[in-house]
Protein backbone atom coordinates (compact mmCIF):
# COMPACT_ATOMS: atom_id res chain seq x y z
CA MET A 1 25.02 7.99 5.41
CA ASN A 2 23.81 7.33 1.88
CA THR A 3 21.16 4.65 1.74
CA ALA A 4 19.85 2.13 -0.74
CA HIS A 5 16.24 3.27 -0.57
CA LEU A 6 14.01 0.35 -1.50
CA ASN A 7 10.80 1.74 -0.01
CA THR A 8 9.44 4.16 -2.59
CA ALA A 9 6.09 2.36 -2.35
CA GLY A 10 6.02 3.55 1.26
CA THR A 11 7.76 6.92 1.12
CA GLY A 12 9.73 8.14 -1.87
CA ARG A 13 12.91 10.15 -1.57
CA MET A 14 12.22 13.74 -2.51
CA PRO A 15 14.49 15.06 -5.30
CA ALA A 16 16.78 17.87 -4.17
CA ALA A 17 14.73 20.50 -6.03
CA VAL A 18 11.52 19.35 -4.31
CA ARG A 19 13.16 19.28 -0.89
CA SER A 20 14.49 22.80 -1.47
CA VAL A 21 11.02 24.14 -2.34
CA LEU A 22 9.55 22.54 0.78
CA ALA A 23 12.32 23.93 3.00
CA ASP A 24 12.06 27.45 1.56
CA ALA A 25 8.28 27.57 1.87
CA THR A 26 8.37 26.22 5.42
CA ALA A 27 11.00 28.79 6.41
CA ARG A 28 8.95 31.62 4.92
CA ASP A 29 5.86 30.43 6.78
CA ASP A 30 7.89 30.38 10.00
CA LEU A 31 9.22 33.91 9.44
CA TYR A 32 6.20 35.73 8.03
CA GLY A 33 3.15 33.54 8.66
CA PRO A 34 0.65 31.67 6.47
CA TYR A 35 -0.98 34.70 4.84
CA ASP A 36 2.31 35.93 3.45
CA LEU A 37 3.18 32.40 2.26
CA GLU A 38 -0.14 31.99 0.45
CA GLU A 39 0.30 35.37 -1.20
CA HIS A 40 3.87 34.50 -2.16
CA LEU A 41 2.84 31.17 -3.71
CA GLY A 42 -0.30 32.63 -5.35
CA ALA A 43 -0.30 31.13 -8.86
CA VAL A 44 1.20 27.82 -7.67
CA LEU A 45 -1.56 27.23 -5.12
CA HIS A 46 -4.49 28.31 -7.26
CA THR A 47 -3.55 27.43 -10.83
CA GLU A 48 -0.25 25.75 -11.56
CA VAL A 49 -0.53 22.66 -9.36
CA TYR A 50 -3.99 21.85 -10.77
CA GLU A 51 -2.75 22.23 -14.34
CA ARG A 52 0.05 19.76 -13.58
CA LEU A 53 -2.40 17.32 -11.97
CA GLY A 54 -4.70 17.54 -14.97
CA ALA A 55 -1.80 16.83 -17.31
CA LEU A 56 -0.66 13.89 -15.17
CA LEU A 57 -4.12 12.29 -15.07
CA GLY A 58 -5.37 13.23 -18.54
CA VAL A 59 -8.34 15.25 -17.25
CA PRO A 60 -9.32 18.93 -17.05
CA ALA A 61 -7.47 20.79 -14.31
CA ALA A 62 -10.77 22.00 -12.87
CA HIS A 63 -11.77 18.42 -12.10
CA THR A 64 -8.84 17.83 -9.74
CA ALA A 65 -8.65 18.62 -6.03
CA LEU A 66 -6.03 18.52 -3.28
CA PHE A 67 -6.34 16.56 -0.03
CA THR A 68 -4.02 15.47 2.76
CA GLY A 69 -3.83 11.98 1.22
CA ALA A 70 -5.60 9.42 -0.94
CA ALA A 71 -7.50 7.91 2.01
CA PRO A 72 -8.98 11.28 3.13
CA ALA A 73 -9.90 12.03 -0.49
CA PHE A 74 -11.64 8.68 -0.86
CA GLU A 75 -13.45 9.12 2.47
CA PHE A 76 -14.56 12.67 1.64
CA LEU A 77 -15.95 11.80 -1.79
CA VAL A 78 -17.33 8.30 -1.13
CA SER A 79 -18.77 8.55 2.37
CA ARG A 80 -21.47 11.00 1.25
CA LEU A 81 -22.87 8.84 -1.55
CA ALA A 82 -26.64 8.38 -1.27
CA LEU A 83 -26.98 4.59 -1.35
CA THR A 84 -29.95 2.44 -0.33
CA PRO A 85 -30.32 -0.98 1.36
CA GLY A 86 -30.70 -2.66 -2.03
CA ASP A 87 -27.43 -1.29 -3.42
CA ARG A 88 -24.21 -3.27 -3.70
CA ILE A 89 -20.60 -2.13 -3.40
CA TRP A 90 -17.82 -4.09 -5.08
CA THR A 91 -14.29 -4.03 -3.75
CA THR A 92 -11.30 -6.35 -4.29
CA PRO A 93 -8.94 -8.42 -2.11
CA TYR A 94 -6.24 -5.82 -2.83
CA GLU A 95 -8.13 -2.93 -1.18
CA GLY A 96 -6.21 -1.19 1.60
CA VAL A 97 -7.55 -0.99 5.14
CA ALA A 98 -8.22 2.77 5.04
CA HIS A 99 -10.45 2.50 1.96
CA LEU A 100 -12.14 -0.59 3.38
CA THR A 101 -12.92 1.31 6.57
CA THR A 102 -14.72 3.95 4.51
CA LEU A 103 -16.64 1.33 2.52
CA TYR A 104 -17.81 -0.52 5.62
CA ALA A 105 -18.81 2.73 7.32
CA LEU A 106 -20.86 3.57 4.23
CA ARG A 107 -22.45 0.13 4.39
CA ASP A 108 -23.32 0.60 8.05
CA ARG A 109 -24.87 4.01 7.34
CA THR A 110 -26.90 3.02 4.29
CA HIS A 111 -27.46 -0.71 4.96
CA CYS A 112 -26.17 -1.58 1.51
CA THR A 113 -24.07 -4.71 0.82
CA VAL A 114 -20.30 -4.95 0.34
CA GLU A 115 -19.07 -7.74 -1.95
CA VAL A 116 -15.52 -8.75 -2.81
CA VAL A 117 -14.72 -9.50 -6.45
CA PRO A 118 -12.90 -12.85 -6.55
CA LEU A 119 -9.47 -13.41 -8.06
CA ARG A 120 -8.63 -15.76 -10.87
CA ALA A 121 -6.00 -18.46 -10.34
CA ASP A 122 -3.30 -16.13 -11.70
CA GLY A 123 -4.19 -13.36 -9.20
CA ASP A 124 -5.97 -11.03 -11.62
CA LEU A 125 -9.48 -9.81 -10.96
CA ASP A 126 -12.09 -12.15 -12.34
CA LEU A 127 -13.64 -10.01 -15.07
CA GLU A 128 -15.89 -12.86 -16.17
CA TRP A 129 -17.38 -13.00 -12.66
CA MET A 130 -17.87 -9.25 -12.76
CA SER A 131 -19.59 -9.39 -16.13
CA ALA A 132 -21.88 -12.22 -15.03
CA HIS A 133 -22.94 -10.51 -11.77
CA LEU A 134 -23.09 -6.87 -12.89
CA ASP A 135 -26.54 -5.30 -12.72
CA GLU A 136 -28.09 -1.97 -11.78
CA ASP A 137 -27.91 -2.80 -8.07
CA VAL A 138 -24.12 -2.34 -8.21
CA ALA A 139 -23.74 1.27 -7.12
CA LEU A 140 -19.98 1.56 -6.49
CA VAL A 141 -16.90 -0.35 -7.66
CA SER A 142 -13.57 0.34 -5.93
CA VAL A 143 -10.32 -1.00 -7.42
CA ALA A 144 -6.64 -0.48 -6.49
CA HIS A 145 -4.67 0.14 -9.69
CA VAL A 146 -1.52 -1.40 -8.15
CA ALA A 147 -1.77 -3.51 -5.00
CA GLY A 148 0.41 -2.12 -2.23
CA THR A 149 1.38 -5.62 -1.09
CA LEU A 150 2.47 -7.60 -4.15
CA GLY A 151 2.51 -4.85 -6.77
CA THR A 152 -0.24 -6.58 -8.75
CA VAL A 153 -1.49 -4.34 -11.58
CA SER A 154 -5.24 -4.56 -11.99
CA PRO A 155 -6.81 -4.11 -15.45
CA VAL A 156 -8.50 -0.84 -14.56
CA GLU A 157 -9.27 0.15 -18.14
CA ALA A 158 -10.95 -3.21 -18.79
CA VAL A 159 -13.03 -2.72 -15.65
CA GLY A 160 -13.98 0.74 -16.87
CA ARG A 161 -15.15 -0.64 -20.21
CA LEU A 162 -17.18 -3.28 -18.39
CA LEU A 163 -18.92 -0.67 -16.23
CA ALA A 164 -19.59 1.79 -19.06
CA GLY A 165 -23.30 2.38 -19.48
CA HIS A 166 -24.16 1.08 -16.00
CA ARG A 167 -25.09 3.20 -12.99
CA ALA A 168 -22.13 2.09 -10.87
CA ARG A 169 -19.70 4.77 -9.76
CA TYR A 170 -16.13 3.66 -10.43
CA ALA A 171 -13.31 4.58 -8.00
CA VAL A 172 -9.62 3.81 -8.61
CA ASP A 173 -6.84 4.08 -6.04
CA ALA A 174 -3.69 5.07 -7.95
CA SER A 175 -1.47 5.61 -4.90
CA HIS A 176 1.05 2.96 -6.00
CA SER A 177 0.89 3.67 -9.72
CA VAL A 178 1.15 7.45 -10.26
CA GLY A 179 4.78 8.33 -10.81
CA ARG A 180 5.61 4.82 -11.96
CA LEU A 181 2.97 3.82 -14.52
CA PRO A 182 1.01 5.98 -16.96
CA VAL A 183 -2.29 6.93 -15.33
CA ASP A 184 -5.02 8.31 -17.57
CA ALA A 185 -8.29 8.74 -15.68
CA ALA A 186 -10.18 9.53 -18.89
CA ALA A 187 -8.97 6.30 -20.55
CA ILE A 188 -9.76 4.33 -17.40
CA GLY A 189 -13.28 5.71 -17.44
CA CYS A 190 -13.47 6.18 -13.67
CA ASP A 191 -15.60 8.66 -11.76
CA LEU A 192 -13.03 9.01 -8.99
CA LEU A 193 -9.26 8.55 -8.89
CA THR A 194 -7.28 9.14 -5.72
CA ALA A 195 -3.54 9.05 -4.98
CA ASP A 196 -0.90 9.98 -2.43
CA GLY A 197 1.80 12.43 -3.38
CA TRP A 198 4.63 10.95 -1.30
CA ARG A 199 5.17 7.54 -2.92
CA PHE A 200 6.38 7.12 -6.51
CA LEU A 201 5.74 10.79 -7.24
CA ARG A 202 8.34 11.52 -4.52
CA GLY A 203 6.53 14.55 -3.16
CA PRO A 204 6.14 15.59 0.49
CA ASP A 205 4.23 13.83 3.23
CA SER A 206 0.60 14.65 4.09
CA ILE A 207 -0.60 15.56 0.62
CA GLY A 208 -2.69 13.73 -1.94
CA PHE A 209 -5.12 14.51 -4.69
CA ALA A 210 -8.16 13.31 -6.56
CA TYR A 211 -9.85 13.49 -9.90
CA ALA A 212 -13.62 13.60 -9.45
CA ALA A 213 -16.07 13.60 -12.33
CA PRO A 214 -18.47 16.56 -12.30
CA THR A 215 -21.42 14.27 -11.60
CA LEU A 216 -19.68 13.03 -8.46
CA ARG A 217 -18.91 16.55 -7.24
CA THR A 218 -22.46 17.82 -7.69
CA GLY A 219 -23.70 16.70 -4.29
CA LEU A 220 -20.75 18.11 -2.37
CA THR A 221 -21.71 21.78 -2.44
CA GLY A 222 -21.05 23.29 0.95
CA TYR A 223 -18.53 20.63 1.99
CA ALA A 224 -14.85 21.50 2.11
CA PRO A 225 -12.03 18.97 2.66
CA GLN A 226 -9.10 19.61 4.94
CA ALA A 227 -6.56 21.45 2.80
CA PRO A 228 -2.89 20.43 2.80
CA HIS A 229 -0.32 22.96 3.99
CA PRO A 230 0.70 25.49 1.30
CA ALA A 231 4.34 24.42 1.66
CA ALA A 232 3.33 20.84 0.84
CA VAL A 233 1.34 22.06 -2.17
CA ALA A 234 4.36 23.95 -3.49
CA ALA A 235 6.56 20.89 -3.00
CA LEU A 236 4.02 18.63 -4.74
CA ASN A 237 3.95 21.08 -7.64
CA ALA A 238 7.73 20.77 -7.89
CA ALA A 239 7.50 16.98 -7.67
CA LEU A 240 4.96 16.91 -10.51
CA ALA A 241 7.28 19.04 -12.64
CA HIS A 242 10.20 16.73 -11.84
CA ASP A 243 8.14 13.64 -12.69
CA ALA A 244 6.99 15.09 -16.01
CA ALA A 245 10.61 15.84 -16.98
CA ALA A 246 11.87 12.43 -15.80
CA ALA A 247 9.16 10.62 -17.78
CA ARG A 248 10.80 11.83 -20.99
CA LEU A 249 14.14 10.21 -20.09
CA PRO A 250 15.18 6.56 -20.58
CA ARG A 251 14.21 4.50 -17.54
CA ARG A 252 15.54 1.19 -16.28
CA ASP A 253 13.33 -1.09 -14.21
CA LEU A 254 15.41 -2.97 -11.64
CA THR A 255 12.58 -5.23 -10.47
CA PRO A 256 14.07 -8.32 -12.23
CA GLU A 257 17.43 -7.78 -10.50
CA LEU A 258 15.70 -7.36 -7.12
CA ARG A 259 13.66 -10.51 -7.71
CA ALA A 260 16.81 -12.45 -8.61
CA VAL A 261 18.45 -11.54 -5.28
CA LEU A 262 15.43 -12.73 -3.32
CA GLU A 263 15.00 -15.93 -5.32
CA ARG A 264 18.60 -17.06 -4.82
CA THR A 265 18.73 -16.30 -1.08
CA PRO A 266 18.24 -19.48 1.02
CA GLY A 267 15.27 -19.30 3.37
CA ILE A 268 13.58 -16.38 1.60
CA GLU A 269 10.06 -16.94 0.35
CA LEU A 270 8.75 -14.51 -2.23
CA LEU A 271 5.05 -13.94 -1.74
CA THR A 272 4.43 -14.55 -5.41
CA ARG A 273 1.56 -16.72 -4.32
CA GLY A 274 -1.13 -14.42 -3.06
CA ALA A 275 -3.96 -14.92 -0.64
CA GLU A 276 -6.60 -17.52 -1.14
CA PRO A 277 -9.50 -16.38 -3.35
CA VAL A 278 -11.97 -14.46 -1.22
CA ALA A 279 -15.67 -15.21 -1.34
CA PRO A 280 -17.73 -12.33 -2.85
CA SER A 281 -19.55 -11.77 0.45
CA ALA A 282 -16.39 -11.66 2.58
CA GLU A 283 -16.37 -9.24 5.48
CA LEU A 284 -13.56 -7.15 6.91
CA PRO A 285 -12.00 -9.29 9.66
CA ALA A 286 -12.19 -7.96 13.18
CA ALA A 287 -8.95 -7.16 14.97
CA GLY A 288 -7.48 -10.35 16.31
CA ALA A 289 -9.81 -12.61 14.34
CA GLU A 290 -8.55 -15.85 12.86
CA PRO A 291 -7.65 -15.68 9.15
CA ALA A 292 -10.26 -16.88 6.71
CA GLY A 293 -10.17 -20.51 5.72
CA PRO A 294 -8.65 -21.64 2.42
CA GLY A 295 -10.60 -21.16 -0.76
CA ALA A 296 -10.55 -23.12 -3.99
CA GLY A 297 -6.79 -22.70 -4.37
CA PRO A 298 -4.00 -20.16 -4.01
CA ALA A 299 -3.97 -17.17 -6.32
CA GLY A 300 -0.83 -15.95 -8.05
CA PRO A 301 0.48 -12.39 -7.99
CA GLY A 302 -1.23 -11.36 -11.22
CA ARG A 303 0.05 -11.42 -14.76
CA GLU A 304 1.59 -7.95 -14.37
CA GLN A 305 3.46 -6.53 -11.38
CA SER A 306 4.97 -3.10 -10.90
CA GLY A 307 8.02 -2.41 -8.79
CA ILE A 308 6.93 -4.09 -5.54
CA LEU A 309 8.05 -7.45 -4.13
CA ALA A 310 6.95 -8.87 -0.77
CA PHE A 311 8.97 -11.60 0.94
CA ARG A 312 9.59 -13.30 4.25
CA HIS A 313 12.06 -15.74 5.79
CA ALA A 314 11.07 -19.27 6.71
CA ASP A 315 12.50 -19.05 10.25
CA LEU A 316 13.35 -15.44 11.05
CA PRO A 317 10.82 -12.68 11.88
CA ALA A 318 10.47 -9.63 9.67
CA ALA A 319 11.19 -6.88 12.21
CA PRO A 320 14.84 -7.76 13.06
CA ILE A 321 15.59 -8.30 9.37
CA ARG A 322 14.28 -4.82 8.60
CA ARG A 323 16.27 -3.30 11.46
CA GLY A 324 19.43 -5.14 10.43
CA LEU A 325 19.10 -3.88 6.88
CA ALA A 326 18.51 -0.33 8.13
CA ARG A 327 21.72 -0.46 10.18
CA ARG A 328 23.53 -1.27 6.95
CA GLY A 329 21.91 1.58 5.06
CA VAL A 330 19.22 -0.38 3.23
CA VAL A 331 15.62 0.78 3.64
CA VAL A 332 12.72 -1.66 3.18
CA TRP A 333 9.23 -1.80 4.66
CA LYS A 334 7.68 -4.23 7.14
CA THR A 335 4.16 -4.92 5.97
CA VAL A 336 1.49 -6.38 8.23
CA ALA A 337 -1.56 -8.41 7.34
CA GLN A 338 -4.06 -5.79 8.45
CA GLU A 339 -2.84 -3.32 5.83
CA THR A 340 -4.79 -5.42 3.30
CA PRO A 341 -7.20 -7.42 5.50
CA LEU A 342 -8.88 -9.26 2.63
CA HIS A 343 -5.60 -10.38 1.08
CA LEU A 344 -2.68 -11.68 3.15
CA PRO A 345 -4.56 -13.01 6.20
CA GLY A 346 -6.33 -15.57 4.04
CA ARG A 347 -3.03 -17.36 3.58
CA GLY A 348 -1.92 -17.03 7.19
CA VAL A 349 0.60 -14.26 6.47
CA THR A 350 0.93 -11.92 9.45
CA THR A 351 4.13 -9.98 8.73
CA ALA A 352 6.41 -9.74 5.73
CA LEU A 353 8.95 -7.41 4.19
CA ARG A 354 8.33 -5.31 1.12
CA ALA A 355 11.01 -3.96 -1.19
CA SER A 356 10.15 -1.54 -3.97
CA VAL A 357 12.24 0.02 -6.69
CA HIS A 358 11.80 3.21 -8.65
CA TYR A 359 13.64 4.75 -11.54
CA ASP A 360 15.97 6.66 -9.23
CA ASN A 361 17.39 3.38 -7.92
CA THR A 362 20.69 2.08 -9.29
CA PRO A 363 22.26 -1.37 -9.78
CA GLU A 364 24.53 -0.47 -6.86
CA ASP A 365 21.44 -0.26 -4.63
CA ILE A 366 20.54 -3.84 -5.54
CA ASP A 367 24.11 -5.03 -4.87
CA ARG A 368 24.09 -3.29 -1.50
CA PHE A 369 20.78 -4.90 -0.62
CA ASP A 370 22.13 -8.30 -1.65
CA HIS A 371 25.23 -8.05 0.54
CA ALA A 372 23.35 -6.55 3.48
CA LEU A 373 20.63 -9.21 3.35
CA GLN A 374 23.16 -12.05 3.44
CA GLU A 375 24.95 -10.44 6.40
CA VAL A 376 21.75 -9.84 8.33
CA LEU A 377 20.45 -13.36 7.81
CA GLN A 378 23.78 -14.87 8.87
CA GLU A 379 23.88 -12.66 11.96
CA LEU A 380 20.33 -13.53 12.98
CA ARG A 381 20.86 -17.26 12.39
CA GLU A 382 23.93 -17.16 14.64
CA GLU A 383 21.98 -15.32 17.34
CA LEU A 384 19.19 -17.89 17.08
CA ARG A 385 21.62 -20.79 17.44
CA ALA A 386 23.30 -19.11 20.42
CA ARG A 387 19.95 -18.65 22.18
CA GLU A 388 18.98 -22.26 21.56
CA GLN A 389 22.29 -23.56 22.89
CA SER A 390 22.19 -21.38 26.00
CA SER A 391 18.58 -22.13 26.95
CA PRO A 392 18.77 -23.65 30.46
CA VAL A 393 17.20 -27.05 30.98
CA ARG A 394 17.01 -27.89 34.69
CA VAL A 395 17.03 -31.56 35.70
CA LEU A 396 15.21 -32.08 38.97
CA ALA A 397 16.27 -34.69 41.54
CA PRO A 398 13.84 -37.57 42.19
CA ALA A 399 11.14 -36.61 44.65
CA ALA A 400 11.47 -37.89 48.21
CA SER A 401 9.17 -40.69 49.33
CA GLY A 402 5.73 -39.39 50.18
CA SER A 403 6.27 -36.06 48.50
CA ALA A 404 4.09 -34.57 45.82
CA ALA A 405 4.38 -35.74 42.22
CA PRO A 406 7.52 -34.48 40.50
CA ARG A 407 7.30 -31.33 38.41
CA GLN A 408 8.20 -31.24 34.74
CA ALA A 409 11.75 -30.16 33.94
CA GLY A 410 11.88 -26.67 32.46
CA PRO A 411 11.89 -24.25 31.03
CA ALA A 412 11.72 -26.21 27.79
CA ARG A 413 13.05 -24.68 24.60
CA THR A 414 10.41 -23.41 22.25
CA PRO A 415 10.77 -23.26 18.47
CA ALA A 416 11.53 -19.95 16.83
CA ARG A 417 8.43 -17.96 15.99
CA ARG A 418 7.89 -15.69 13.03
CA GLY A 419 6.57 -12.87 15.18
CA HIS A 420 3.28 -11.37 16.24
CA LEU A 421 0.48 -9.85 14.25
CA THR A 422 0.67 -6.08 14.30
CA LEU A 423 -2.80 -4.62 14.11
CA LEU A 424 -1.84 -1.04 13.32
CA ALA A 425 -1.86 -0.41 9.59
CA GLY A 426 1.48 0.96 8.45
CA ALA A 427 3.29 -0.04 11.64
CA ALA A 428 6.94 -0.84 11.20
CA GLY A 429 9.07 -2.96 13.43
């Protein structure tokens, strides 16, 4: 069945040419083994894919490297930094849980401090706060180019200009921007840029890449990251070629049409109001911990968003909505609070749905989503009403004289609940 794929921010649909390369390379590996495959792919594995990465990121090909994903690349290159107890790390409320795990492990190893850059009222990073608090104790600044929850685009080039001339290493997560927005690591001025290959680039699973400045790579002699499978490298190479060709064609952004569907659907709340501003010293919440208390006021989604909209229903949980859409051939993502622990939990958001559009989507995909969403919500509302009407309420006879005190009638009906907090990052209902 053809689907309306509105989850490119999670996993992009591989173009036919990319899927064919992956299938052919996998079949050859199965028939002849890895040595033959590596010999067959020769120039692709050792030269061509790096040249394409360099062209994509605006950096020399020799300064790029392949990993099994953005998170392993970040962990490999950041975890070995030689920090001291007096050093400070800056992150943002939009940081994903995998990167945060690496940052807090680095803090625990080196006894440095992790601080969270606050948001302005509109949801953008507070550059004035950064400028006022920047000194030579700031050793690392980590920023997500596009937030995986709300699609907020952070001003990464402005941050780079702010940090220029200071000792701080600058890391940018471009997992949700490469393939959709122009990404120029040289213009950003970062020391490290990491990204996954399977989102808006529409490459295969289990492959990512990084740009690392020579000064960052100096201390890594003798360390080797886990290499992605050669078949995945060949498919990523094909995806990069496809993306470069597609970038020269006219593109239509369907985000406004997607937003219009969500805004006119009764009961749907767009999470265009983000989490409460997070205090600069905020810590990563423990599993099961209560969300942080409210801050000075709610933050918006940022002045610029890119292709990602998160939403939820006032009365219906996210998981059955996602499943109902999937049965109708519409693919969206269920996002959970712990995917961005410093962002959504501050507002009490536990689960939500995320729809994302790319340039391979069509207006027909948006129409299909619209019709499917209305059907699913109607179906779930009817099921909810039926359950409420059929809930048994037993009326007990008066107790006999001398007997124990009467019990409460039950079971009583309980109000519908939004659902539970899923603690596994990336879990889908």
